[in-house]
Amino acid sequence: MDAWNKGIRVGQKKALKLEDIWRIRIRLELEKRFEELSLFNLAVDSKLRSCDLLSLKVRDVSRSGTVLSRTTIRQQKTHREVQFEITPKTQQALSQWIFTNHLEMADYLFPSYRRKGQHLSYHYYLTLVNRWVSDIGLDTSQYGTHSLRRTKASLIYAKTKNLRAIQLLLGHAKLESTIEYLGVEIEDALRISESCET
């Protein structure tokens, strides 16, 4: 049976705004939902697809008991390496999460509650994302797991208009993919590209 959306372009999920990030983050901190806070912060920082985010192991983000400020992983979909920053807030949340749960280097960073030796499922992650956005009054039909991948890229693009930088951060092979991903109009993209020529 074919997927309902096969061959149909479905609208992209919205990226979160800066104020949305802080509202979600503060709520998770106040409610002491430390795993969710770690997952949310890392999802925004890393700009990873769900499959790569959920399959991270402690060793991918930590060395000698210290959470790294920057790390590199190989993406499952493209097999290309992508590097990302782990901001101090995220480092703090991850350190607390790893220490409190006695996670070992070989453990999944976000282990499944039901399946021993497995990571959180995509379905559970989607449920969390829906809860986060609905808790701050956003329409869950407009947001999804990919919203978190797009969030930091959209914020950086809005500030810098640097498509090449976003391409590298997202690990896209082609600039056209980045243009489509960000929803940048072709005319705007060409104008930006021409203005950056040396």
C-alpha atoms as a PDB file:
ATOM      1  CA  MET A   1       0.000   0.000   0.000  1.00  0.00           C
ATOM      2  CA  ASP A   2       1.376   3.402  -1.010  1.00  0.00           C
ATOM      3  CA  ALA A   3       1.780   6.257   1.452  1.00  0.00           C
ATOM      4  CA  TRP A   4      -1.065   8.794   1.353  1.00  0.00           C
ATOM      5  CA  ASN A   5       1.360  11.561   0.366  1.00  0.00           C
ATOM      6  CA  LYS A   6       3.331   9.684  -2.315  1.00  0.00           C
ATOM      7  CA  GLY A   7       4.079  12.050  -5.192  1.00  0.00           C
ATOM      8  CA  ILE A   8       2.471  15.006  -3.403  1.00  0.00           C
ATOM      9  CA  ARG A   9       4.441  17.966  -2.035  1.00  0.00           C
ATOM     10  CA  VAL A  10       3.316  18.399   1.537  1.00  0.00           C
ATOM     11  CA  GLY A  11       3.895  21.770   3.200  1.00  0.00           C
ATOM     12  CA  GLN A  12       6.942  22.058   5.406  1.00  0.00           C
ATOM     13  CA  LYS A  13       6.547  22.244   9.138  1.00  0.00           C
ATOM     14  CA  LYS A  14       7.273  25.645  10.640  1.00  0.00           C
ATOM     15  CA  ALA A  15      10.489  26.428  12.466  1.00  0.00           C
ATOM     16  CA  LEU A  16      10.218  27.672  16.040  1.00  0.00           C
ATOM     17  CA  LYS A  17      10.869  31.325  16.791  1.00  0.00           C
ATOM     18  CA  LEU A  18      13.418  32.392  19.385  1.00  0.00           C
ATOM     19  CA  GLU A  19      10.693  33.244  21.905  1.00  0.00           C
ATOM     20  CA  ASP A  20       9.119  29.801  21.350  1.00  0.00           C
ATOM     21  CA  ILE A  21      12.436  28.127  22.157  1.00  0.00           C
ATOM     22  CA  TRP A  22      12.737  30.022  25.430  1.00  0.00           C
ATOM     23  CA  ARG A  23       9.120  29.405  26.438  1.00  0.00           C
ATOM     24  CA  ILE A  24       9.513  25.650  25.916  1.00  0.00           C
ATOM     25  CA  ARG A  25      12.920  25.576  27.596  1.00  0.00           C
ATOM     26  CA  ILE A  26      11.753  27.481  30.682  1.00  0.00           C
ATOM     27  CA  ARG A  27       8.678  25.272  31.045  1.00  0.00           C
ATOM     28  CA  LEU A  28      10.784  22.102  30.891  1.00  0.00           C
ATOM     29  CA  GLU A  29      13.270  23.533  33.413  1.00  0.00           C
ATOM     30  CA  LEU A  30      10.547  24.583  35.873  1.00  0.00           C
ATOM     31  CA  GLU A  31       8.815  21.206  35.591  1.00  0.00           C
ATOM     32  CA  LYS A  32      12.174  19.413  36.012  1.00  0.00           C
ATOM     33  CA  ARG A  33      11.651  17.386  32.839  1.00  0.00           C
ATOM     34  CA  PHE A  34      15.403  16.946  32.402  1.00  0.00           C
ATOM     35  CA  GLU A  35      15.393  14.281  29.703  1.00  0.00           C
ATOM     36  CA  GLU A  36      13.005  16.340  27.590  1.00  0.00           C
ATOM     37  CA  LEU A  37      15.053  19.489  28.209  1.00  0.00           C
ATOM     38  CA  SER A  38      18.219  17.688  27.061  1.00  0.00           C
ATOM     39  CA  LEU A  39      16.479  16.266  24.000  1.00  0.00           C
ATOM     40  CA  PHE A  40      14.880  19.582  23.063  1.00  0.00           C
ATOM     41  CA  ASN A  41      18.084  21.601  23.489  1.00  0.00           C
ATOM     42  CA  LEU A  42      20.177  19.086  21.557  1.00  0.00           C
ATOM     43  CA  ALA A  43      17.595  18.839  18.757  1.00  0.00           C
ATOM     44  CA  VAL A  44      17.749  22.614  18.260  1.00  0.00           C
ATOM     45  CA  ASP A  45      21.561  22.842  18.575  1.00  0.00           C
ATOM     46  CA  SER A  46      22.415  19.872  16.381  1.00  0.00           C
ATOM     47  CA  LYS A  47      19.968  20.442  13.508  1.00  0.00           C
ATOM     48  CA  LEU A  48      19.965  16.657  13.062  1.00  0.00           C
ATOM     49  CA  ARG A  49      17.261  14.547  11.467  1.00  0.00           C
ATOM     50  CA  SER A  50      15.266  12.513  13.992  1.00  0.00           C
ATOM     51  CA  CYS A  51      16.983   9.245  13.024  1.00  0.00           C
ATOM     52  CA  ASP A  52      20.427  10.725  13.754  1.00  0.00           C
ATOM     53  CA  LEU A  53      19.372  12.571  16.900  1.00  0.00           C
ATOM     54  CA  LEU A  54      17.692   9.577  18.522  1.00  0.00           C
ATOM     55  CA  SER A  55      20.551   7.192  17.704  1.00  0.00           C
ATOM     56  CA  LEU A  56      23.210   9.358  19.384  1.00  0.00           C
ATOM     57  CA  LYS A  57      25.209   7.597  22.061  1.00  0.00           C
ATOM     58  CA  VAL A  58      26.821   9.197  25.097  1.00  0.00           C
ATOM     59  CA  ARG A  59      30.262   8.845  23.453  1.00  0.00           C
ATOM     60  CA  ASP A  60      29.066  11.006  20.531  1.00  0.00           C
ATOM     61  CA  VAL A  61      28.705  14.061  22.765  1.00  0.00           C
ATOM     62  CA  SER A  62      31.008  13.366  25.715  1.00  0.00           C
ATOM     63  CA  ARG A  63      34.661  12.611  26.493  1.00  0.00           C
ATOM     64  CA  SER A  64      36.046  11.723  29.931  1.00  0.00           C
ATOM     65  CA  GLY A  65      32.812  12.710  31.647  1.00  0.00           C
ATOM     66  CA  THR A  66      32.644  16.139  30.000  1.00  0.00           C
ATOM     67  CA  VAL A  67      30.066  17.112  27.382  1.00  0.00           C
ATOM     68  CA  LEU A  68      31.804  18.494  24.309  1.00  0.00           C
ATOM     69  CA  SER A  69      31.207  21.990  22.939  1.00  0.00           C
ATOM     70  CA  ARG A  70      31.397  20.638  19.384  1.00  0.00           C
ATOM     71  CA  THR A  71      31.113  17.210  17.800  1.00  0.00           C
ATOM     72  CA  THR A  72      30.855  15.481  14.435  1.00  0.00           C
ATOM     73  CA  ILE A  73      28.592  12.606  13.393  1.00  0.00           C
ATOM     74  CA  ARG A  74      27.967  10.717  10.161  1.00  0.00           C
ATOM     75  CA  GLN A  75      24.387  11.116   8.926  1.00  0.00           C
ATOM     76  CA  GLN A  76      22.460   7.922   8.254  1.00  0.00           C
ATOM     77  CA  LYS A  77      20.584   9.269   5.240  1.00  0.00           C
ATOM     78  CA  THR A  78      23.459  10.866   3.305  1.00  0.00           C
ATOM     79  CA  HIS A  79      26.497   9.181   4.942  1.00  0.00           C
ATOM     80  CA  ARG A  80      28.042  12.663   5.051  1.00  0.00           C
ATOM     81  CA  GLU A  81      29.713  13.952   8.202  1.00  0.00           C
ATOM     82  CA  VAL A  82      28.177  16.985   9.849  1.00  0.00           C
ATOM     83  CA  GLN A  83      29.596  19.024  12.705  1.00  0.00           C
ATOM     84  CA  PHE A  84      27.536  20.906  15.260  1.00  0.00           C
ATOM     85  CA  GLU A  85      27.989  23.087  18.302  1.00  0.00           C
ATOM     86  CA  ILE A  86      26.641  22.103  21.705  1.00  0.00           C
ATOM     87  CA  THR A  87      25.852  25.353  23.503  1.00  0.00           C
ATOM     88  CA  PRO A  88      26.573  25.809  27.231  1.00  0.00           C
ATOM     89  CA  LYS A  89      22.867  25.471  28.166  1.00  0.00           C
ATOM     90  CA  THR A  90      22.683  22.190  26.290  1.00  0.00           C
ATOM     91  CA  GLN A  91      25.991  20.985  27.758  1.00  0.00           C
ATOM     92  CA  GLN A  92      24.643  21.660  31.245  1.00  0.00           C
ATOM     93  CA  ALA A  93      21.354  19.841  30.587  1.00  0.00           C
ATOM     94  CA  LEU A  94      23.121  16.857  29.014  1.00  0.00           C
ATOM     95  CA  SER A  95      25.684  16.622  31.837  1.00  0.00           C
ATOM     96  CA  GLN A  96      22.889  16.530  34.399  1.00  0.00           C
ATOM     97  CA  TRP A  97      20.928  13.958  32.385  1.00  0.00           C
ATOM     98  CA  ILE A  98      23.943  11.652  31.845  1.00  0.00           C
ATOM     99  CA  PHE A  99      25.118  11.894  35.479  1.00  0.00           C
ATOM    100  CA  THR A 100      21.681  11.471  37.066  1.00  0.00           C
ATOM    101  CA  ASN A 101      20.890   8.384  34.973  1.00  0.00           C
ATOM    102  CA  HIS A 102      24.368   6.816  35.261  1.00  0.00           C
ATOM    103  CA  LEU A 103      24.639   6.524  31.485  1.00  0.00           C
ATOM    104  CA  GLU A 104      27.754   4.818  30.148  1.00  0.00           C
ATOM    105  CA  MET A 105      29.693   5.882  27.045  1.00  0.00           C
ATOM    106  CA  ALA A 106      28.192   3.056  24.951  1.00  0.00           C
ATOM    107  CA  ASP A 107      24.608   3.788  26.058  1.00  0.00           C
ATOM    108  CA  TYR A 108      22.113   5.594  23.891  1.00  0.00           C
ATOM    109  CA  LEU A 109      21.821   9.194  25.025  1.00  0.00           C
ATOM    110  CA  PHE A 110      18.037   8.855  25.082  1.00  0.00           C
ATOM    111  CA  PRO A 111      17.317   5.199  25.890  1.00  0.00           C
ATOM    112  CA  SER A 112      13.935   3.580  25.374  1.00  0.00           C
ATOM    113  CA  TYR A 113      11.844   2.899  28.458  1.00  0.00           C
ATOM    114  CA  ARG A 114      10.245  -0.201  26.962  1.00  0.00           C
ATOM    115  CA  ARG A 115      12.949  -1.798  24.835  1.00  0.00           C
ATOM    116  CA  LYS A 116      16.184  -2.555  26.656  1.00  0.00           C
ATOM    117  CA  GLY A 117      19.263  -1.583  24.659  1.00  0.00           C
ATOM    118  CA  GLN A 118      17.274   0.557  22.209  1.00  0.00           C
ATOM    119  CA  HIS A 119      16.852   4.310  21.840  1.00  0.00           C
ATOM    120  CA  LEU A 120      13.632   6.329  22.112  1.00  0.00           C
ATOM    121  CA  SER A 121      11.278   5.672  19.229  1.00  0.00           C
ATOM    122  CA  TYR A 122      10.395   8.245  16.608  1.00  0.00           C
ATOM    123  CA  HIS A 123       6.740   7.990  17.646  1.00  0.00           C
ATOM    124  CA  TYR A 124       7.587   8.877  21.251  1.00  0.00           C
ATOM    125  CA  TYR A 125       9.765  11.781  20.080  1.00  0.00           C
ATOM    126  CA  LEU A 126       6.926  13.097  17.911  1.00  0.00           C
ATOM    127  CA  THR A 127       4.578  12.843  20.906  1.00  0.00           C
ATOM    128  CA  LEU A 128       7.029  14.956  22.932  1.00  0.00           C
ATOM    129  CA  VAL A 129       7.346  17.581  20.187  1.00  0.00           C
ATOM    130  CA  ASN A 130       3.559  17.834  19.940  1.00  0.00           C
ATOM    131  CA  ARG A 131       3.347  18.279  23.716  1.00  0.00           C
ATOM    132  CA  TRP A 132       6.055  20.968  23.722  1.00  0.00           C
ATOM    133  CA  VAL A 133       4.383  23.078  21.054  1.00  0.00           C
ATOM    134  CA  SER A 134       0.848  22.616  22.393  1.00  0.00           C
ATOM    135  CA  ASP A 135       2.000  23.529  25.923  1.00  0.00           C
ATOM    136  CA  ILE A 136       2.923  27.011  24.665  1.00  0.00           C
ATOM    137  CA  GLY A 137      -0.271  27.398  22.625  1.00  0.00           C
ATOM    138  CA  LEU A 138       1.003  26.571  19.137  1.00  0.00           C
ATOM    139  CA  ASP A 139      -0.957  24.553  16.574  1.00  0.00           C
ATOM    140  CA  THR A 140       0.496  21.027  16.525  1.00  0.00           C
ATOM    141  CA  SER A 141      -0.546  20.554  12.897  1.00  0.00           C
ATOM    142  CA  GLN A 142       1.931  23.293  11.922  1.00  0.00           C
ATOM    143  CA  TYR A 143       4.922  21.791  13.732  1.00  0.00           C
ATOM    144  CA  GLY A 144       6.717  18.450  13.887  1.00  0.00           C
ATOM    145  CA  THR A 145      10.075  16.863  14.595  1.00  0.00           C
ATOM    146  CA  HIS A 146      11.525  18.501  11.488  1.00  0.00           C
ATOM    147  CA  SER A 147      10.615  21.902  12.979  1.00  0.00           C
ATOM    148  CA  LEU A 148      13.458  21.438  15.448  1.00  0.00           C
ATOM    149  CA  ARG A 149      15.938  20.607  12.658  1.00  0.00           C
ATOM    150  CA  ARG A 150      14.888  23.743  10.792  1.00  0.00           C
ATOM    151  CA  THR A 151      14.793  26.111  13.785  1.00  0.00           C
ATOM    152  CA  LYS A 152      18.451  27.066  14.279  1.00  0.00           C
ATOM    153  CA  ALA A 153      19.135  26.993  10.538  1.00  0.00           C
ATOM    154  CA  SER A 154      16.263  29.444   9.975  1.00  0.00           C
ATOM    155  CA  LEU A 155      17.457  31.723  12.779  1.00  0.00           C
ATOM    156  CA  ILE A 156      21.024  31.742  11.422  1.00  0.00           C
ATOM    157  CA  TYR A 157      19.793  32.383   7.882  1.00  0.00           C
ATOM    158  CA  ALA A 158      17.576  35.271   9.043  1.00  0.00           C
ATOM    159  CA  LYS A 159      20.594  36.843  10.728  1.00  0.00           C
ATOM    160  CA  THR A 160      23.307  36.202   8.126  1.00  0.00           C
ATOM    161  CA  LYS A 161      21.611  35.316   4.791  1.00  0.00           C
ATOM    162  CA  ASN A 162      24.560  32.933   4.331  1.00  0.00           C
ATOM    163  CA  LEU A 163      23.182  29.971   2.395  1.00  0.00           C
ATOM    164  CA  ARG A 164      26.546  28.223   2.112  1.00  0.00           C
ATOM    165  CA  ALA A 165      26.970  28.209   5.887  1.00  0.00           C
ATOM    166  CA  ILE A 166      23.491  26.725   6.331  1.00  0.00           C
ATOM    167  CA  GLN A 167      24.251  24.108   3.676  1.00  0.00           C
ATOM    168  CA  LEU A 168      27.316  22.996   5.665  1.00  0.00           C
ATOM    169  CA  LEU A 169      25.467  23.024   8.993  1.00  0.00           C
ATOM    170  CA  LEU A 170      22.642  20.866   7.627  1.00  0.00           C
ATOM    171  CA  GLY A 171      24.983  18.570   5.726  1.00  0.00           C
ATOM    172  CA  HIS A 172      23.249  19.094   2.385  1.00  0.00           C
ATOM    173  CA  ALA A 173      25.147  17.955  -0.715  1.00  0.00           C
ATOM    174  CA  LYS A 174      23.522  20.591  -2.935  1.00  0.00           C
ATOM    175  CA  LEU A 175      22.846  24.271  -2.310  1.00  0.00           C
ATOM    176  CA  GLU A 176      19.494  23.810  -4.076  1.00  0.00           C
ATOM    177  CA  SER A 177      18.431  21.450  -1.270  1.00  0.00           C
ATOM    178  CA  THR A 178      19.225  24.129   1.301  1.00  0.00           C
ATOM    179  CA  ILE A 179      17.319  26.770  -0.658  1.00  0.00           C
ATOM    180  CA  GLU A 180      14.270  24.498  -0.868  1.00  0.00           C
ATOM    181  CA  TYR A 181      14.627  23.431   2.755  1.00  0.00           C
ATOM    182  CA  LEU A 182      14.638  26.988   4.072  1.00  0.00           C
ATOM    183  CA  GLY A 183      11.819  28.017   1.753  1.00  0.00           C
ATOM    184  CA  VAL A 184      13.966  30.769   0.266  1.00  0.00           C
ATOM    185  CA  GLU A 185      12.603  32.188  -2.962  1.00  0.00           C
ATOM    186  CA  ILE A 186      14.868  31.404  -5.918  1.00  0.00           C
ATOM    187  CA  GLU A 187      15.139  35.083  -6.890  1.00  0.00           C
ATOM    188  CA  ASP A 188      16.272  36.006  -3.376  1.00  0.00           C
ATOM    189  CA  ALA A 189      18.732  33.111  -3.333  1.00  0.00           C
ATOM    190  CA  LEU A 190      20.261  34.123  -6.672  1.00  0.00           C
ATOM    191  CA  ARG A 191      20.560  37.725  -5.531  1.00  0.00           C
ATOM    192  CA  ILE A 192      22.305  36.648  -2.314  1.00  0.00           C
ATOM    193  CA  SER A 193      24.557  34.263  -4.230  1.00  0.00           C
ATOM    194  CA  GLU A 194      25.552  36.957  -6.759  1.00  0.00           C
ATOM    195  CA  SER A 195      26.301  39.461  -4.006  1.00  0.00           C
ATOM    196  CA  CYS A 196      28.670  36.926  -2.385  1.00  0.00           C
ATOM    197  CA  GLU A 197      30.713  36.250  -5.516  1.00  0.00           C
ATOM    198  CA  THR A 198      34.401  37.184  -5.311  1.00  0.00           C
END
